[in-house]
Amino acid sequence: MLTKASLRIKNAVDSGRITVDLDSGSVSGARGMLLKPRLDRFGYLMVSFAGDYSYVHRIVAYAASGERAPEP
């Protein structure tokens, strides 16, 4: 079962609203501009898209692995 955050990541990557450079791990928005990451209080990188924050490692994992990656 996908969580809301996982579903948001899946939809954004599959539709092309965000793209991932798997070599560098950078995340770009729909216009090709890099999304500016920020650190959460535990040290994980997050980016903002679709009005909410998502973890960069989850976005990269989904882009690299597909359906299996975002599930908890």
C-alpha atoms as a PDB file:
ATOM      1  CA  MET A   1       0.000   0.000   0.000  1.00  0.00           C
ATOM      2  CA  LEU A   2       1.384   3.389  -0.995  1.00  0.00           C
ATOM      3  CA  THR A   3       1.375   6.274   1.462  1.00  0.00           C
ATOM      4  CA  LYS A   4       0.227   9.755   0.431  1.00  0.00           C
ATOM      5  CA  ALA A   5       3.836  10.923   0.180  1.00  0.00           C
ATOM      6  CA  SER A   6       4.820   7.892  -1.895  1.00  0.00           C
ATOM      7  CA  LEU A   7       1.884   8.368  -4.229  1.00  0.00           C
ATOM      8  CA  ARG A   8       2.762  12.053  -4.681  1.00  0.00           C
ATOM      9  CA  ILE A   9       6.360  11.073  -5.576  1.00  0.00           C
ATOM     10  CA  LYS A  10       5.173   8.349  -7.968  1.00  0.00           C
ATOM     11  CA  ASN A  11       2.797  10.710  -9.780  1.00  0.00           C
ATOM     12  CA  ALA A  12       5.378  13.510 -10.039  1.00  0.00           C
ATOM     13  CA  VAL A  13       8.154  11.268 -11.404  1.00  0.00           C
ATOM     14  CA  ASP A  14       5.893   9.303 -13.765  1.00  0.00           C
ATOM     15  CA  SER A  15       4.303  12.457 -15.197  1.00  0.00           C
ATOM     16  CA  GLY A  16       7.659  14.195 -15.680  1.00  0.00           C
ATOM     17  CA  ARG A  17       6.906  17.066 -13.283  1.00  0.00           C
ATOM     18  CA  ILE A  18      10.168  16.201 -11.554  1.00  0.00           C
ATOM     19  CA  THR A  19      13.210  14.492 -13.013  1.00  0.00           C
ATOM     20  CA  VAL A  20      16.173  12.889 -11.285  1.00  0.00           C
ATOM     21  CA  ASP A  21      19.810  12.724 -12.346  1.00  0.00           C
ATOM     22  CA  LEU A  22      20.701   9.302 -10.957  1.00  0.00           C
ATOM     23  CA  ASP A  23      24.458   9.953 -11.216  1.00  0.00           C
ATOM     24  CA  SER A  24      24.428  13.022  -8.971  1.00  0.00           C
ATOM     25  CA  GLY A  25      21.140  12.483  -7.136  1.00  0.00           C
ATOM     26  CA  SER A  26      19.896  15.947  -8.053  1.00  0.00           C
ATOM     27  CA  VAL A  27      16.181  16.583  -8.487  1.00  0.00           C
ATOM     28  CA  SER A  28      14.852  19.036 -11.102  1.00  0.00           C
ATOM     29  CA  GLY A  29      11.418  20.531 -11.509  1.00  0.00           C
ATOM     30  CA  ALA A  30       9.238  20.624 -14.597  1.00  0.00           C
ATOM     31  CA  ARG A  31      11.128  23.581 -16.097  1.00  0.00           C
ATOM     32  CA  GLY A  32      14.489  21.861 -15.675  1.00  0.00           C
ATOM     33  CA  MET A  33      15.556  24.003 -12.709  1.00  0.00           C
ATOM     34  CA  LEU A  34      17.189  22.207  -9.790  1.00  0.00           C
ATOM     35  CA  LEU A  35      14.938  22.040  -6.761  1.00  0.00           C
ATOM     36  CA  LYS A  36      16.667  23.601  -3.766  1.00  0.00           C
ATOM     37  CA  PRO A  37      17.111  21.013  -1.017  1.00  0.00           C
ATOM     38  CA  ARG A  38      16.864  21.759   2.684  1.00  0.00           C
ATOM     39  CA  LEU A  39      17.809  19.692   5.705  1.00  0.00           C
ATOM     40  CA  ASP A  40      15.189  18.385   8.103  1.00  0.00           C
ATOM     41  CA  ARG A  41      16.004  18.209  11.801  1.00  0.00           C
ATOM     42  CA  PHE A  42      17.506  14.729  11.418  1.00  0.00           C
ATOM     43  CA  GLY A  43      19.826  15.709   8.550  1.00  0.00           C
ATOM     44  CA  TYR A  44      17.847  14.299   5.610  1.00  0.00           C
ATOM     45  CA  LEU A  45      17.562  16.366   2.428  1.00  0.00           C
ATOM     46  CA  MET A  46      14.077  17.436   1.379  1.00  0.00           C
ATOM     47  CA  VAL A  47      12.745  19.323  -1.641  1.00  0.00           C
ATOM     48  CA  SER A  48       9.481  21.156  -2.061  1.00  0.00           C
ATOM     49  CA  PHE A  49       7.119  20.394  -4.939  1.00  0.00           C
ATOM     50  CA  ALA A  50       3.353  20.280  -5.266  1.00  0.00           C
ATOM     51  CA  GLY A  51       3.055  22.414  -2.133  1.00  0.00           C
ATOM     52  CA  ASP A  52       4.689  19.899   0.195  1.00  0.00           C
ATOM     53  CA  TYR A  53       8.136  18.570   1.088  1.00  0.00           C
ATOM     54  CA  SER A  54       9.424  15.126   0.100  1.00  0.00           C
ATOM     55  CA  TYR A  55      12.664  13.358   0.964  1.00  0.00           C
ATOM     56  CA  VAL A  56      15.256  13.376  -1.806  1.00  0.00           C
ATOM     57  CA  HIS A  57      16.342   9.791  -1.067  1.00  0.00           C
ATOM     58  CA  ARG A  58      12.791   8.538  -1.628  1.00  0.00           C
ATOM     59  CA  ILE A  59      12.492  10.410  -4.933  1.00  0.00           C
ATOM     60  CA  VAL A  60      15.832   9.034  -6.152  1.00  0.00           C
ATOM     61  CA  ALA A  61      14.934   5.509  -5.004  1.00  0.00           C
ATOM     62  CA  TYR A  62      11.627   5.593  -6.891  1.00  0.00           C
ATOM     63  CA  ALA A  63      13.268   6.977 -10.041  1.00  0.00           C
ATOM     64  CA  ALA A  64      15.905   4.216  -9.915  1.00  0.00           C
ATOM     65  CA  SER A  65      13.775   1.271  -8.819  1.00  0.00           C
ATOM     66  CA  GLY A  66      10.198   2.016  -9.827  1.00  0.00           C
ATOM     67  CA  GLU A  67       7.180   0.673  -7.959  1.00  0.00           C
ATOM     68  CA  ARG A  68       9.013  -1.043  -5.112  1.00  0.00           C
ATOM     69  CA  ALA A  69      10.977   1.951  -3.799  1.00  0.00           C
ATOM     70  CA  PRO A  70       8.448   4.277  -2.099  1.00  0.00           C
ATOM     71  CA  GLU A  71       6.611   1.648  -0.072  1.00  0.00           C
ATOM     72  CA  PRO A  72       7.324   1.816   3.680  1.00  0.00           C
END
